[in-house]
PDB file of N, CA and C in Angstrom:
ATOM      1  N   MET A   1    -100.724  35.875  37.451  1.00  0.00           N
ATOM      2  CA  MET A   1    -100.085  36.923  36.790  1.00  0.00           C
ATOM      3  C   MET A   1    -100.661  37.165  35.273  1.00  0.00           C
ATOM      4  N   ASN A   2    -100.759  38.280  34.939  1.00  0.00           N
ATOM      5  CA  ASN A   2    -101.066  38.583  33.434  1.00  0.00           C
ATOM      6  C   ASN A   2    -100.047  39.521  32.862  1.00  0.00           C
ATOM      7  N   SER A   3     -99.980  39.399  31.599  1.00  0.00           N
ATOM      8  CA  SER A   3     -98.868  40.175  30.887  1.00  0.00           C
ATOM      9  C   SER A   3     -99.462  41.286  30.087  1.00  0.00           C
ATOM     10  N   ASN A   4     -98.899  42.438  30.131  1.00  0.00           N
ATOM     11  CA  ASN A   4     -99.300  43.626  29.384  1.00  0.00           C
ATOM     12  C   ASN A   4     -98.494  43.949  28.254  1.00  0.00           C
ATOM     13  N   LEU A   5     -97.699  42.681  27.804  1.00  0.00           N
ATOM     14  CA  LEU A   5     -96.739  42.808  26.830  1.00  0.00           C
ATOM     15  C   LEU A   5     -97.437  43.342  25.412  1.00  0.00           C
ATOM     16  N   GLY A   6     -98.635  42.891  25.243  1.00  0.00           N
ATOM     17  CA  GLY A   6     -99.359  43.047  23.958  1.00  0.00           C
ATOM     18  C   GLY A   6     -99.777  44.785  23.856  1.00  0.00           C
ATOM     19  N   ILE A   7    -100.060  45.047  25.092  1.00  0.00           N
ATOM     20  CA  ILE A   7    -100.283  46.805  25.146  1.00  0.00           C
ATOM     21  C   ILE A   7     -99.023  47.507  24.923  1.00  0.00           C
ATOM     22  N   LEU A   8     -97.886  46.982  25.420  1.00  0.00           N
ATOM     23  CA  LEU A   8     -96.645  47.633  25.081  1.00  0.00           C
ATOM     24  C   LEU A   8     -96.287  47.641  23.595  1.00  0.00           C
ATOM     25  N   ILE A   9     -96.373  46.400  23.204  1.00  0.00           N
ATOM     26  CA  ILE A   9     -96.039  46.231  21.722  1.00  0.00           C
ATOM     27  C   ILE A   9     -96.832  47.312  20.758  1.00  0.00           C
ATOM     28  N   GLU A  10     -98.266  47.480  21.019  1.00  0.00           N
ATOM     29  CA  GLU A  10     -99.046  48.348  20.564  1.00  0.00           C
ATOM     30  C   GLU A  10     -98.710  49.663  20.656  1.00  0.00           C
ATOM     31  N   GLN A  11     -98.286  50.093  21.785  1.00  0.00           N
ATOM     32  CA  GLN A  11     -97.842  51.450  22.061  1.00  0.00           C
ATOM     33  C   GLN A  11     -96.527  51.769  21.180  1.00  0.00           C
ATOM     34  N   GLN A  12     -95.619  50.832  21.073  1.00  0.00           N
ATOM     35  CA  GLN A  12     -94.631  50.970  20.413  1.00  0.00           C
ATOM     36  C   GLN A  12     -94.888  51.205  18.923  1.00  0.00           C
ATOM     37  N   ARG A  13     -95.687  50.437  18.325  1.00  0.00           N
ATOM     38  CA  ARG A  13     -96.181  50.621  17.116  1.00  0.00           C
ATOM     39  C   ARG A  13     -96.659  52.036  16.648  1.00  0.00           C
ATOM     40  N   ILE A  14     -97.645  52.301  17.721  1.00  0.00           N
ATOM     41  CA  ILE A  14     -98.154  53.772  17.621  1.00  0.00           C
ATOM     42  C   ILE A  14     -97.069  54.904  17.423  1.00  0.00           C
ATOM     43  N   ARG A  15     -96.251  54.726  18.510  1.00  0.00           N
ATOM     44  CA  ARG A  15     -94.972  55.775  18.612  1.00  0.00           C
ATOM     45  C   ARG A  15     -94.153  55.723  17.476  1.00  0.00           C
ATOM     46  N   MET A  16     -94.082  54.607  16.889  1.00  0.00           N
ATOM     47  CA  MET A  16     -93.116  54.321  15.624  1.00  0.00           C
ATOM     48  C   MET A  16     -93.967  54.798  14.344  1.00  0.00           C
ATOM     49  N   GLY A  17     -95.156  54.834  14.535  1.00  0.00           N
ATOM     50  CA  GLY A  17     -96.093  55.134  13.235  1.00  0.00           C
ATOM     51  C   GLY A  17     -96.044  54.098  12.379  1.00  0.00           C
ATOM     52  N   GLY A  18     -95.896  52.848  12.641  1.00  0.00           N
ATOM     53  CA  GLY A  18     -95.965  51.823  11.486  1.00  0.00           C
ATOM     54  C   GLY A  18     -96.597  50.614  11.917  1.00  0.00           C
ATOM     55  N   ARG A  19     -95.872  49.521  11.376  1.00  0.00           N
ATOM     56  CA  ARG A  19     -96.463  48.044  11.657  1.00  0.00           C
ATOM     57  C   ARG A  19     -96.054  47.615  13.011  1.00  0.00           C
ATOM     58  N   ARG A  20     -96.936  46.834  13.607  1.00  0.00           N
ATOM     59  CA  ARG A  20     -96.635  45.942  14.922  1.00  0.00           C
ATOM     60  C   ARG A  20     -95.443  45.254  14.706  1.00  0.00           C
ATOM     61  N   PRO A  21     -94.479  45.393  15.615  1.00  0.00           N
ATOM     62  CA  PRO A  21     -93.162  44.544  15.531  1.00  0.00           C
ATOM     63  C   PRO A  21     -93.647  43.040  15.731  1.00  0.00           C
ATOM     64  N   GLY A  22     -93.076  42.124  15.105  1.00  0.00           N
ATOM     65  CA  GLY A  22     -93.367  40.833  15.307  1.00  0.00           C
ATOM     66  C   GLY A  22     -92.617  40.153  16.509  1.00  0.00           C
ATOM     67  N   ILE A  23     -93.089  38.876  16.980  1.00  0.00           N
ATOM     68  CA  ILE A  23     -92.293  38.452  18.235  1.00  0.00           C
ATOM     69  C   ILE A  23     -90.748  38.118  17.885  1.00  0.00           C
ATOM     70  N   ARG A  24     -90.463  37.580  16.683  1.00  0.00           N
ATOM     71  CA  ARG A  24     -89.078  37.428  16.589  1.00  0.00           C
ATOM     72  C   ARG A  24     -88.250  38.709  16.623  1.00  0.00           C
ATOM     73  N   LYS A  25     -88.878  39.818  16.001  1.00  0.00           N
ATOM     74  CA  LYS A  25     -88.078  40.850  15.946  1.00  0.00           C
ATOM     75  C   LYS A  25     -87.923  41.579  17.219  1.00  0.00           C
ATOM     76  N   ILE A  26     -88.872  41.574  18.094  1.00  0.00           N
ATOM     77  CA  ILE A  26     -88.709  41.831  19.540  1.00  0.00           C
ATOM     78  C   ILE A  26     -87.599  41.094  20.233  1.00  0.00           C
ATOM     79  N   ALA A  27     -87.720  39.699  20.090  1.00  0.00           N
ATOM     80  CA  ALA A  27     -86.709  39.111  20.688  1.00  0.00           C
ATOM     81  C   ALA A  27     -85.384  39.252  20.075  1.00  0.00           C
ATOM     82  N   GLU A  28     -85.331  39.432  18.747  1.00  0.00           N
ATOM     83  CA  GLU A  28     -83.747  39.611  18.333  1.00  0.00           C
ATOM     84  C   GLU A  28     -83.441  41.093  18.780  1.00  0.00           C
ATOM     85  N   GLU A  29     -84.202  41.913  18.754  1.00  0.00           N
ATOM     86  CA  GLU A  29     -83.809  43.278  19.140  1.00  0.00           C
ATOM     87  C   GLU A  29     -83.321  43.498  20.502  1.00  0.00           C
ATOM     88  N   SER A  30     -84.254  42.751  21.478  1.00  0.00           N
ATOM     89  CA  SER A  30     -84.062  42.922  22.864  1.00  0.00           C
ATOM     90  C   SER A  30     -83.109  41.973  23.420  1.00  0.00           C
ATOM     91  N   GLY A  31     -82.860  40.744  22.890  1.00  0.00           N
ATOM     92  CA  GLY A  31     -82.044  39.755  23.296  1.00  0.00           C
ATOM     93  C   GLY A  31     -82.669  38.553  24.103  1.00  0.00           C
ATOM     94  N   ALA A  32     -84.006  38.798  24.261  1.00  0.00           N
ATOM     95  CA  ALA A  32     -84.848  37.920  25.053  1.00  0.00           C
ATOM     96  C   ALA A  32     -85.149  36.870  24.166  1.00  0.00           C
ATOM     97  N   SER A  33     -85.634  35.639  24.725  1.00  0.00           N
ATOM     98  CA  SER A  33     -85.810  34.413  23.689  1.00  0.00           C
ATOM     99  C   SER A  33     -87.436  34.554  23.189  1.00  0.00           C
ATOM    100  N   VAL A  34     -87.357  33.964  22.025  1.00  0.00           N
ATOM    101  CA  VAL A  34     -88.533  33.991  21.321  1.00  0.00           C
ATOM    102  C   VAL A  34     -89.679  33.374  22.137  1.00  0.00           C
ATOM    103  N   SER A  35     -89.305  32.071  22.683  1.00  0.00           N
ATOM    104  CA  SER A  35     -90.246  31.318  23.353  1.00  0.00           C
ATOM    105  C   SER A  35     -91.036  32.198  24.728  1.00  0.00           C
ATOM    106  N   MET A  36     -90.009  32.959  25.340  1.00  0.00           N
ATOM    107  CA  MET A  36     -90.290  33.820  26.402  1.00  0.00           C
ATOM    108  C   MET A  36     -91.103  34.963  26.004  1.00  0.00           C
ATOM    109  N   VAL A  37     -90.982  35.626  25.003  1.00  0.00           N
ATOM    110  CA  VAL A  37     -91.719  36.762  24.380  1.00  0.00           C
ATOM    111  C   VAL A  37     -93.251  36.315  23.895  1.00  0.00           C
ATOM    112  N   GLN A  38     -93.033  35.130  23.202  1.00  0.00           N
ATOM    113  CA  GLN A  38     -94.644  34.435  22.785  1.00  0.00           C
ATOM    114  C   GLN A  38     -95.261  34.066  24.057  1.00  0.00           C
ATOM    115  N   GLY A  39     -94.675  33.256  25.044  1.00  0.00           N
ATOM    116  CA  GLY A  39     -95.309  33.121  26.124  1.00  0.00           C
ATOM    117  C   GLY A  39     -95.989  34.123  27.078  1.00  0.00           C
ATOM    118  N   LEU A  40     -95.152  35.299  27.092  1.00  0.00           N
ATOM    119  CA  LEU A  40     -95.766  36.549  27.770  1.00  0.00           C
ATOM    120  C   LEU A  40     -96.843  37.128  27.178  1.00  0.00           C
ATOM    121  N   LEU A  41     -96.819  37.230  25.550  1.00  0.00           N
ATOM    122  CA  LEU A  41     -97.946  37.861  24.891  1.00  0.00           C
ATOM    123  C   LEU A  41     -98.996  36.899  24.909  1.00  0.00           C
ATOM    124  N   ASN A  42     -99.079  35.490  25.128  1.00  0.00           N
ATOM    125  CA  ASN A  42     -99.957  34.757  25.268  1.00  0.00           C
ATOM    126  C   ASN A  42    -100.518  34.381  26.636  1.00  0.00           C
ATOM    127  N   ASN A  43     -99.944  35.047  27.604  1.00  0.00           N
ATOM    128  CA  ASN A  43    -100.167  34.853  28.993  1.00  0.00           C
ATOM    129  C   ASN A  43    -100.045  33.208  29.242  1.00  0.00           C
ATOM    130  N   LYS A  44     -98.918  32.734  28.762  1.00  0.00           N
ATOM    131  CA  LYS A  44     -98.801  31.041  29.006  1.00  0.00           C
ATOM    132  C   LYS A  44     -97.637  30.909  29.883  1.00  0.00           C
ATOM    133  N   MET A  45     -96.951  31.948  30.252  1.00  0.00           N
ATOM    134  CA  MET A  45     -95.730  31.895  31.068  1.00  0.00           C
ATOM    135  C   MET A  45     -96.020  31.332  32.687  1.00  0.00           C
ATOM    136  N   ARG A  46     -95.415  30.344  33.098  1.00  0.00           N
ATOM    137  CA  ARG A  46     -95.412  29.953  34.258  1.00  0.00           C
ATOM    138  C   ARG A  46     -94.352  30.532  35.213  1.00  0.00           C
ATOM    139  N   ARG A  47     -93.194  30.500  34.481  1.00  0.00           N
ATOM    140  CA  ARG A  47     -91.986  31.026  35.205  1.00  0.00           C
ATOM    141  C   ARG A  47     -91.221  31.790  34.056  1.00  0.00           C
ATOM    142  N   VAL A  48     -90.943  33.239  34.743  1.00  0.00           N
ATOM    143  CA  VAL A  48     -90.463  34.099  33.645  1.00  0.00           C
ATOM    144  C   VAL A  48     -88.875  34.272  34.065  1.00  0.00           C
ATOM    145  N   PRO A  49     -87.881  34.022  33.112  1.00  0.00           N
ATOM    146  CA  PRO A  49     -86.726  34.260  33.344  1.00  0.00           C
ATOM    147  C   PRO A  49     -86.402  35.636  33.777  1.00  0.00           C
ATOM    148  N   LEU A  50     -85.726  36.115  34.719  1.00  0.00           N
ATOM    149  CA  LEU A  50     -85.459  37.449  35.334  1.00  0.00           C
ATOM    150  C   LEU A  50     -84.497  38.154  34.216  1.00  0.00           C
ATOM    151  N   ASP A  51     -83.584  37.540  33.709  1.00  0.00           N
ATOM    152  CA  ASP A  51     -82.645  38.026  32.704  1.00  0.00           C
ATOM    153  C   ASP A  51     -83.410  38.439  31.351  1.00  0.00           C
ATOM    154  N   ASP A  52     -84.381  37.678  31.017  1.00  0.00           N
ATOM    155  CA  ASP A  52     -85.101  38.010  29.892  1.00  0.00           C
ATOM    156  C   ASP A  52     -85.866  39.116  30.117  1.00  0.00           C
ATOM    157  N   LEU A  53     -86.599  38.978  31.130  1.00  0.00           N
ATOM    158  CA  LEU A  53     -87.601  40.196  31.666  1.00  0.00           C
ATOM    159  C   LEU A  53     -86.878  41.607  31.803  1.00  0.00           C
ATOM    160  N   ALA A  54     -85.527  41.453  32.229  1.00  0.00           N
ATOM    161  CA  ALA A  54     -84.743  42.496  32.350  1.00  0.00           C
ATOM    162  C   ALA A  54     -84.525  43.112  30.988  1.00  0.00           C
ATOM    163  N   LEU A  55     -84.315  42.280  29.909  1.00  0.00           N
ATOM    164  CA  LEU A  55     -83.912  42.832  28.528  1.00  0.00           C
ATOM    165  C   LEU A  55     -85.250  43.365  27.956  1.00  0.00           C
ATOM    166  N   LEU A  56     -86.439  42.854  28.360  1.00  0.00           N
ATOM    167  CA  LEU A  56     -87.434  43.392  27.756  1.00  0.00           C
ATOM    168  C   LEU A  56     -87.848  44.795  28.240  1.00  0.00           C
ATOM    169  N   CYS A  57     -87.532  45.001  29.693  1.00  0.00           N
ATOM    170  CA  CYS A  57     -87.804  46.168  30.209  1.00  0.00           C
ATOM    171  C   CYS A  57     -86.816  47.288  29.707  1.00  0.00           C
ATOM    172  N   LYS A  58     -85.579  46.771  29.326  1.00  0.00           N
ATOM    173  CA  LYS A  58     -84.652  47.699  28.621  1.00  0.00           C
ATOM    174  C   LYS A  58     -85.072  48.198  27.173  1.00  0.00           C
ATOM    175  N   TYR A  59     -85.562  47.166  26.563  1.00  0.00           N
ATOM    176  CA  TYR A  59     -86.011  47.340  25.002  1.00  0.00           C
ATOM    177  C   TYR A  59     -87.375  48.233  25.215  1.00  0.00           C
ATOM    178  N   PHE A  60     -88.204  48.141  26.075  1.00  0.00           N
ATOM    179  CA  PHE A  60     -89.457  48.829  25.895  1.00  0.00           C
ATOM    180  C   PHE A  60     -89.366  50.342  26.950  1.00  0.00           C
ATOM    181  N   GLY A  61     -88.227  50.383  27.759  1.00  0.00           N
ATOM    182  CA  GLY A  61     -88.089  51.412  28.476  1.00  0.00           C
ATOM    183  C   GLY A  61     -89.177  51.478  29.513  1.00  0.00           C
ATOM    184  N   CYS A  62     -89.423  50.331  30.135  1.00  0.00           N
ATOM    185  CA  CYS A  62     -90.297  50.412  31.215  1.00  0.00           C
ATOM    186  C   CYS A  62     -89.977  49.675  32.543  1.00  0.00           C
ATOM    187  N   GLN A  63     -90.665  49.197  33.344  1.00  0.00           N
ATOM    188  CA  GLN A  63     -90.591  48.598  34.627  1.00  0.00           C
ATOM    189  C   GLN A  63     -91.253  47.375  34.581  1.00  0.00           C
ATOM    190  N   VAL A  64     -90.856  46.343  35.460  1.00  0.00           N
ATOM    191  CA  VAL A  64     -91.282  45.126  35.624  1.00  0.00           C
ATOM    192  C   VAL A  64     -92.876  45.144  35.616  1.00  0.00           C
ATOM    193  N   GLY A  65     -93.249  46.063  36.467  1.00  0.00           N
ATOM    194  CA  GLY A  65     -94.856  46.293  36.848  1.00  0.00           C
ATOM    195  C   GLY A  65     -95.455  46.755  35.536  1.00  0.00           C
ATOM    196  N   ASP A  66     -94.983  47.318  34.487  1.00  0.00           N
ATOM    197  CA  ASP A  66     -95.563  47.509  33.157  1.00  0.00           C
ATOM    198  C   ASP A  66     -95.875  46.485  32.396  1.00  0.00           C
ATOM    199  N   ILE A  67     -95.019  45.436  32.636  1.00  0.00           N
ATOM    200  CA  ILE A  67     -95.189  44.260  31.899  1.00  0.00           C
ATOM    201  C   ILE A  67     -96.116  43.089  32.618  1.00  0.00           C
ATOM    202  N   LEU A  68     -95.651  42.760  33.639  1.00  0.00           N
ATOM    203  CA  LEU A  68     -96.329  41.682  34.598  1.00  0.00           C
ATOM    204  C   LEU A  68     -97.481  42.421  35.659  1.00  0.00           C
ATOM    205  N   VAL A  69     -98.648  42.144  35.601  1.00  0.00           N
ATOM    206  CA  VAL A  69     -99.652  42.405  36.598  1.00  0.00           C
ATOM    207  C   VAL A  69    -100.256  41.478  37.182  1.00  0.00           C
ATOM    208  N   TYR A  70    -100.322  41.621  38.575  1.00  0.00           N
ATOM    209  CA  TYR A  70    -100.985  40.599  39.376  1.00  0.00           C
ATOM    210  C   TYR A  70    -102.552  40.817  39.384  1.00  0.00           C
ATOM    211  N   ILE A  71    -103.238  39.798  39.178  1.00  0.00           N
ATOM    212  CA  ILE A  71    -104.862  39.862  39.216  1.00  0.00           C
ATOM    213  C   ILE A  71    -105.239  38.657  39.979  1.00  0.00           C
ATOM    214  N   PRO A  72    -105.715  38.922  41.116  1.00  0.00           N
ATOM    215  CA  PRO A  72    -106.387  37.759  41.964  1.00  0.00           C
ATOM    216  C   PRO A  72    -107.241  37.173  41.376  1.00  0.00           C
ATOM    217  N   ASP A  73    -107.352  35.681  41.765  1.00  0.00           N
ATOM    218  CA  ASP A  73    -108.233  34.890  41.300  1.00  0.00           C
ATOM    219  C   ASP A  73    -109.783  35.199  41.973  1.00  0.00           C
ATOM    220  N   PRO A  74    -110.789  35.135  41.292  1.00  0.00           N
ATOM    221  CA  PRO A  74    -112.167  35.502  41.901  1.00  0.00           C
ATOM    222  C   PRO A  74    -112.246  34.237  42.641  1.00  0.00           C
ATOM    223  N   GLU A  75    -113.097  34.726  43.869  1.00  0.00           N
ATOM    224  CA  GLU A  75    -113.350  33.839  44.957  1.00  0.00           C
ATOM    225  C   GLU A  75    -114.791  33.507  44.822  1.00  0.00           C
TER     226      GLU A  75
END
């Protein structure tokens, strides 16, 4: 699994016409944990808490598939 969270953050910055929101600000405003936001942003999450994922979907106005993308391992 890979995360498109960085893309969503950049799209939000463009929509708002300002600076890129920081990890702590996203976590605070969405209600998701800082460690989960940071882990997704860096593609380091092995297990994603569904409640935090739902909070991010609500915050960004998106679906789970907009955040997480399955990329098969090359064979």
